[in-house]
């Protein structure tokens, strides 16, 4: 099950994210998930794997 998460974001940033999502043929939600996944991969390369329990 995927939990819901509410995010407050400024209008200009949201419009730009929608533009990028459309360009990448993704939903806005899919684009945000993709960005977050890339950020986590980068973080783990620099700091080591995040261990979840």
PDB file of N, CA and C in Angstrom:
ATOM      1  N   UNK A   1       0.834  -1.182   0.000  1.00  0.00           N
ATOM      2  CA  UNK A   1       0.000   0.000   0.000  1.00  0.00           C
ATOM      3  C   UNK A   1       0.880   1.247   0.000  1.00  0.00           C
ATOM      4  N   UNK A   2       0.559   2.208  -0.833  1.00  0.00           N
ATOM      5  CA  UNK A   2       1.299   3.459  -0.891  1.00  0.00           C
ATOM      6  C   UNK A   2       0.592   4.515  -0.061  1.00  0.00           C
ATOM      7  N   UNK A   3       1.291   5.084   0.921  1.00  0.00           N
ATOM      8  CA  UNK A   3       0.659   6.120   1.737  1.00  0.00           C
ATOM      9  C   UNK A   3       0.496   7.423   0.948  1.00  0.00           C
ATOM     10  N   UNK A   4      -0.524   8.173   1.289  1.00  0.00           N
ATOM     11  CA  UNK A   4      -0.708   9.502   0.706  1.00  0.00           C
ATOM     12  C   UNK A   4       0.183  10.484   1.437  1.00  0.00           C
ATOM     13  N   UNK A   5       0.618  11.503   0.712  1.00  0.00           N
ATOM     14  CA  UNK A   5       1.496  12.518   1.278  1.00  0.00           C
ATOM     15  C   UNK A   5       1.105  13.856   0.686  1.00  0.00           C
ATOM     16  N   UNK A   6       0.883  14.818   1.523  1.00  0.00           N
ATOM     17  CA  UNK A   6       0.499  16.149   1.065  1.00  0.00           C
ATOM     18  C   UNK A   6       1.748  17.024   0.986  1.00  0.00           C
ATOM     19  N   UNK A   7       1.852  17.827  -0.073  1.00  0.00           N
ATOM     20  CA  UNK A   7       3.030  18.662  -0.279  1.00  0.00           C
ATOM     21  C   UNK A   7       2.601  20.067  -0.653  1.00  0.00           C
ATOM     22  N   UNK A   8       3.094  21.047   0.081  1.00  0.00           N
ATOM     23  CA  UNK A   8       2.859  22.453  -0.285  1.00  0.00           C
ATOM     24  C   UNK A   8       4.015  22.886  -1.169  1.00  0.00           C
ATOM     25  N   UNK A   9       3.679  23.496  -2.301  1.00  0.00           N
ATOM     26  CA  UNK A   9       4.704  23.868  -3.276  1.00  0.00           C
ATOM     27  C   UNK A   9       4.294  25.178  -3.941  1.00  0.00           C
ATOM     28  N   UNK A  10       5.243  26.034  -4.200  1.00  0.00           N
ATOM     29  CA  UNK A  10       4.881  27.319  -4.787  1.00  0.00           C
ATOM     30  C   UNK A  10       4.441  27.146  -6.245  1.00  0.00           C
ATOM     31  N   UNK A  11       3.601  28.040  -6.685  1.00  0.00           N
ATOM     32  CA  UNK A  11       2.920  27.922  -7.979  1.00  0.00           C
ATOM     33  C   UNK A  11       3.895  27.835  -9.156  1.00  0.00           C
ATOM     34  N   UNK A  12       4.930  28.663  -9.150  1.00  0.00           N
ATOM     35  CA  UNK A  12       5.888  28.654 -10.262  1.00  0.00           C
ATOM     36  C   UNK A  12       6.614  27.317 -10.356  1.00  0.00           C
ATOM     37  N   UNK A  13       7.043  26.800  -9.212  1.00  0.00           N
ATOM     38  CA  UNK A  13       7.732  25.508  -9.190  1.00  0.00           C
ATOM     39  C   UNK A  13       6.803  24.393  -9.672  1.00  0.00           C
ATOM     40  N   UNK A  14       5.557  24.420  -9.239  1.00  0.00           N
ATOM     41  CA  UNK A  14       4.588  23.413  -9.657  1.00  0.00           C
ATOM     42  C   UNK A  14       4.366  23.457 -11.168  1.00  0.00           C
ATOM     43  N   UNK A  15       4.244  24.650 -11.719  1.00  0.00           N
ATOM     44  CA  UNK A  15       4.052  24.787 -13.178  1.00  0.00           C
ATOM     45  C   UNK A  15       5.254  24.241 -13.937  1.00  0.00           C
ATOM     46  N   UNK A  16       6.445  24.513 -13.431  1.00  0.00           N
ATOM     47  CA  UNK A  16       7.656  24.021 -14.098  1.00  0.00           C
ATOM     48  C   UNK A  16       7.757  22.499 -13.991  1.00  0.00           C
ATOM     49  N   UNK A  17       7.383  21.949 -12.836  1.00  0.00           N
ATOM     50  CA  UNK A  17       7.374  20.490 -12.688  1.00  0.00           C
ATOM     51  C   UNK A  17       6.367  19.850 -13.634  1.00  0.00           C
ATOM     52  N   UNK A  18       5.195  20.454 -13.776  1.00  0.00           N
ATOM     53  CA  UNK A  18       4.196  19.934 -14.725  1.00  0.00           C
ATOM     54  C   UNK A  18       4.738  19.963 -16.151  1.00  0.00           C
ATOM     55  N   UNK A  19       5.427  21.036 -16.504  1.00  0.00           N
ATOM     56  CA  UNK A  19       6.021  21.143 -17.834  1.00  0.00           C
ATOM     57  C   UNK A  19       7.003  19.987 -18.070  1.00  0.00           C
ATOM     58  N   UNK A  20       7.879  19.754 -17.108  1.00  0.00           N
ATOM     59  CA  UNK A  20       8.870  18.682 -17.226  1.00  0.00           C
ATOM     60  C   UNK A  20       8.184  17.319 -17.284  1.00  0.00           C
ATOM     61  N   UNK A  21       7.168  17.117 -16.451  1.00  0.00           N
ATOM     62  CA  UNK A  21       6.429  15.845 -16.464  1.00  0.00           C
ATOM     63  C   UNK A  21       5.814  15.595 -17.831  1.00  0.00           C
ATOM     64  N   UNK A  22       5.187  16.622 -18.401  1.00  0.00           N
ATOM     65  CA  UNK A  22       4.607  16.485 -19.741  1.00  0.00           C
ATOM     66  C   UNK A  22       5.692  16.161 -20.768  1.00  0.00           C
ATOM     67  N   UNK A  23       6.815  16.854 -20.674  1.00  0.00           N
ATOM     68  CA  UNK A  23       7.925  16.633 -21.595  1.00  0.00           C
ATOM     69  C   UNK A  23       8.422  15.188 -21.511  1.00  0.00           C
ATOM     70  N   UNK A  24       8.495  14.658 -20.282  1.00  0.00           N
ATOM     71  CA  UNK A  24       8.969  13.293 -20.060  1.00  0.00           C
ATOM     72  C   UNK A  24       7.859  12.247 -20.197  1.00  0.00           C
ATOM     73  N   UNK A  25       6.656  12.691 -20.586  1.00  0.00           N
ATOM     74  CA  UNK A  25       5.494  11.814 -20.740  1.00  0.00           C
ATOM     75  C   UNK A  25       5.197  11.039 -19.452  1.00  0.00           C
ATOM     76  N   UNK A  26       5.215  11.782 -18.344  1.00  0.00           N
ATOM     77  CA  UNK A  26       4.900  11.210 -17.037  1.00  0.00           C
ATOM     78  C   UNK A  26       3.791  12.025 -16.392  1.00  0.00           C
ATOM     79  N   UNK A  27       3.142  11.416 -15.416  1.00  0.00           N
ATOM     80  CA  UNK A  27       2.230  12.183 -14.575  1.00  0.00           C
ATOM     81  C   UNK A  27       3.083  13.055 -13.656  1.00  0.00           C
ATOM     82  N   UNK A  28       2.472  14.063 -13.068  1.00  0.00           N
ATOM     83  CA  UNK A  28       3.190  14.901 -12.113  1.00  0.00           C
ATOM     84  C   UNK A  28       3.693  14.048 -10.948  1.00  0.00           C
ATOM     85  N   UNK A  29       2.855  13.167 -10.447  1.00  0.00           N
ATOM     86  CA  UNK A  29       3.245  12.275  -9.362  1.00  0.00           C
ATOM     87  C   UNK A  29       4.438  11.402  -9.777  1.00  0.00           C
ATOM     88  N   UNK A  30       4.375  10.845 -10.973  1.00  0.00           N
ATOM     89  CA  UNK A  30       5.473  10.016 -11.471  1.00  0.00           C
ATOM     90  C   UNK A  30       6.764  10.793 -11.613  1.00  0.00           C
ATOM     91  N   UNK A  31       6.655  12.041 -12.052  1.00  0.00           N
ATOM     92  CA  UNK A  31       7.848  12.883 -12.208  1.00  0.00           C
ATOM     93  C   UNK A  31       8.476  13.181 -10.855  1.00  0.00           C
ATOM     94  N   UNK A  32       7.647  13.510  -9.869  1.00  0.00           N
ATOM     95  CA  UNK A  32       8.161  13.796  -8.527  1.00  0.00           C
ATOM     96  C   UNK A  32       8.818  12.546  -7.943  1.00  0.00           C
ATOM     97  N   UNK A  33       8.209  11.382  -8.118  1.00  0.00           N
ATOM     98  CA  UNK A  33       8.812  10.137  -7.623  1.00  0.00           C
ATOM     99  C   UNK A  33      10.159   9.886  -8.293  1.00  0.00           C
ATOM    100  N   UNK A  34      10.227  10.127  -9.591  1.00  0.00           N
ATOM    101  CA  UNK A  34      11.480   9.932 -10.328  1.00  0.00           C
ATOM    102  C   UNK A  34      12.575  10.857  -9.796  1.00  0.00           C
ATOM    103  N   UNK A  35      12.243  12.121  -9.562  1.00  0.00           N
ATOM    104  CA  UNK A  35      13.210  13.082  -9.023  1.00  0.00           C
ATOM    105  C   UNK A  35      13.694  12.629  -7.647  1.00  0.00           C
ATOM    106  N   UNK A  36      12.767  12.200  -6.805  1.00  0.00           N
ATOM    107  CA  UNK A  36      13.140  11.752  -5.457  1.00  0.00           C
ATOM    108  C   UNK A  36      14.018  10.502  -5.505  1.00  0.00           C
ATOM    109  N   UNK A  37      13.696   9.569  -6.386  1.00  0.00           N
ATOM    110  CA  UNK A  37      14.522   8.357  -6.519  1.00  0.00           C
ATOM    111  C   UNK A  37      15.942   8.713  -6.941  1.00  0.00           C
ATOM    112  N   UNK A  38      16.076   9.626  -7.912  1.00  0.00           N
ATOM    113  CA  UNK A  38      17.400  10.061  -8.361  1.00  0.00           C
ATOM    114  C   UNK A  38      18.176  10.706  -7.214  1.00  0.00           C
ATOM    115  N   UNK A  39      17.488  11.506  -6.407  1.00  0.00           N
ATOM    116  CA  UNK A  39      18.129  12.170  -5.278  1.00  0.00           C
ATOM    117  C   UNK A  39      18.616  11.148  -4.248  1.00  0.00           C
ATOM    118  N   UNK A  40      17.812  10.134  -3.984  1.00  0.00           N
ATOM    119  CA  UNK A  40      18.193   9.102  -3.017  1.00  0.00           C
ATOM    120  C   UNK A  40      19.388   8.300  -3.532  1.00  0.00           C
ATOM    121  N   UNK A  41      19.400   7.953  -4.804  1.00  0.00           N
ATOM    122  CA  UNK A  41      20.545   7.240  -5.394  1.00  0.00           C
ATOM    123  C   UNK A  41      21.813   8.073  -5.222  1.00  0.00           C
ATOM    124  N   UNK A  42      21.739   9.360  -5.529  1.00  0.00           N
ATOM    125  CA  UNK A  42      22.884  10.258  -5.382  1.00  0.00           C
ATOM    126  C   UNK A  42      23.330  10.325  -3.922  1.00  0.00           C
ATOM    127  N   UNK A  43      22.397  10.481  -3.007  1.00  0.00           N
ATOM    128  CA  UNK A  43      22.716  10.540  -1.582  1.00  0.00           C
ATOM    129  C   UNK A  43      23.418   9.268  -1.132  1.00  0.00           C
ATOM    130  N   UNK A  44      22.879   8.110  -1.531  1.00  0.00           N
ATOM    131  CA  UNK A  44      23.466   6.835  -1.103  1.00  0.00           C
ATOM    132  C   UNK A  44      24.851   6.616  -1.707  1.00  0.00           C
ATOM    133  N   UNK A  45      25.100   7.112  -2.903  1.00  0.00           N
ATOM    134  CA  UNK A  45      26.445   7.005  -3.484  1.00  0.00           C
ATOM    135  C   UNK A  45      27.451   7.793  -2.652  1.00  0.00           C
ATOM    136  N   UNK A  46      27.011   8.935  -2.130  1.00  0.00           N
ATOM    137  CA  UNK A  46      27.896   9.802  -1.357  1.00  0.00           C
ATOM    138  C   UNK A  46      28.022   9.384   0.107  1.00  0.00           C
ATOM    139  N   UNK A  47      26.966   8.818   0.675  1.00  0.00           N
ATOM    140  CA  UNK A  47      26.907   8.581   2.114  1.00  0.00           C
ATOM    141  C   UNK A  47      26.699   7.124   2.511  1.00  0.00           C
ATOM    142  N   UNK A  48      26.539   6.257   1.559  1.00  0.00           N
ATOM    143  CA  UNK A  48      26.285   4.846   1.864  1.00  0.00           C
ATOM    144  C   UNK A  48      24.793   4.538   1.869  1.00  0.00           C
ATOM    145  N   UNK A  49      24.531   3.251   1.724  1.00  0.00           N
ATOM    146  CA  UNK A  49      23.159   2.764   1.646  1.00  0.00           C
ATOM    147  C   UNK A  49      22.377   3.127   2.904  1.00  0.00           C
ATOM    148  N   UNK A  50      21.154   3.576   2.718  1.00  0.00           N
ATOM    149  CA  UNK A  50      20.264   3.871   3.830  1.00  0.00           C
ATOM    150  C   UNK A  50      19.637   2.543   4.253  1.00  0.00           C
ATOM    151  N   UNK A  51      19.813   2.184   5.512  1.00  0.00           N
ATOM    152  CA  UNK A  51      19.276   0.927   6.026  1.00  0.00           C
ATOM    153  C   UNK A  51      17.915   1.206   6.659  1.00  0.00           C
ATOM    154  N   UNK A  52      16.920   0.488   6.196  1.00  0.00           N
ATOM    155  CA  UNK A  52      15.570   0.618   6.734  1.00  0.00           C
ATOM    156  C   UNK A  52      15.240  -0.620   7.531  1.00  0.00           C
ATOM    157  N   UNK A  53      14.556  -0.440   8.624  1.00  0.00           N
ATOM    158  CA  UNK A  53      14.178  -1.587   9.459  1.00  0.00           C
ATOM    159  C   UNK A  53      12.690  -1.759   9.464  1.00  0.00           C
TER     160      UNK A  53
END
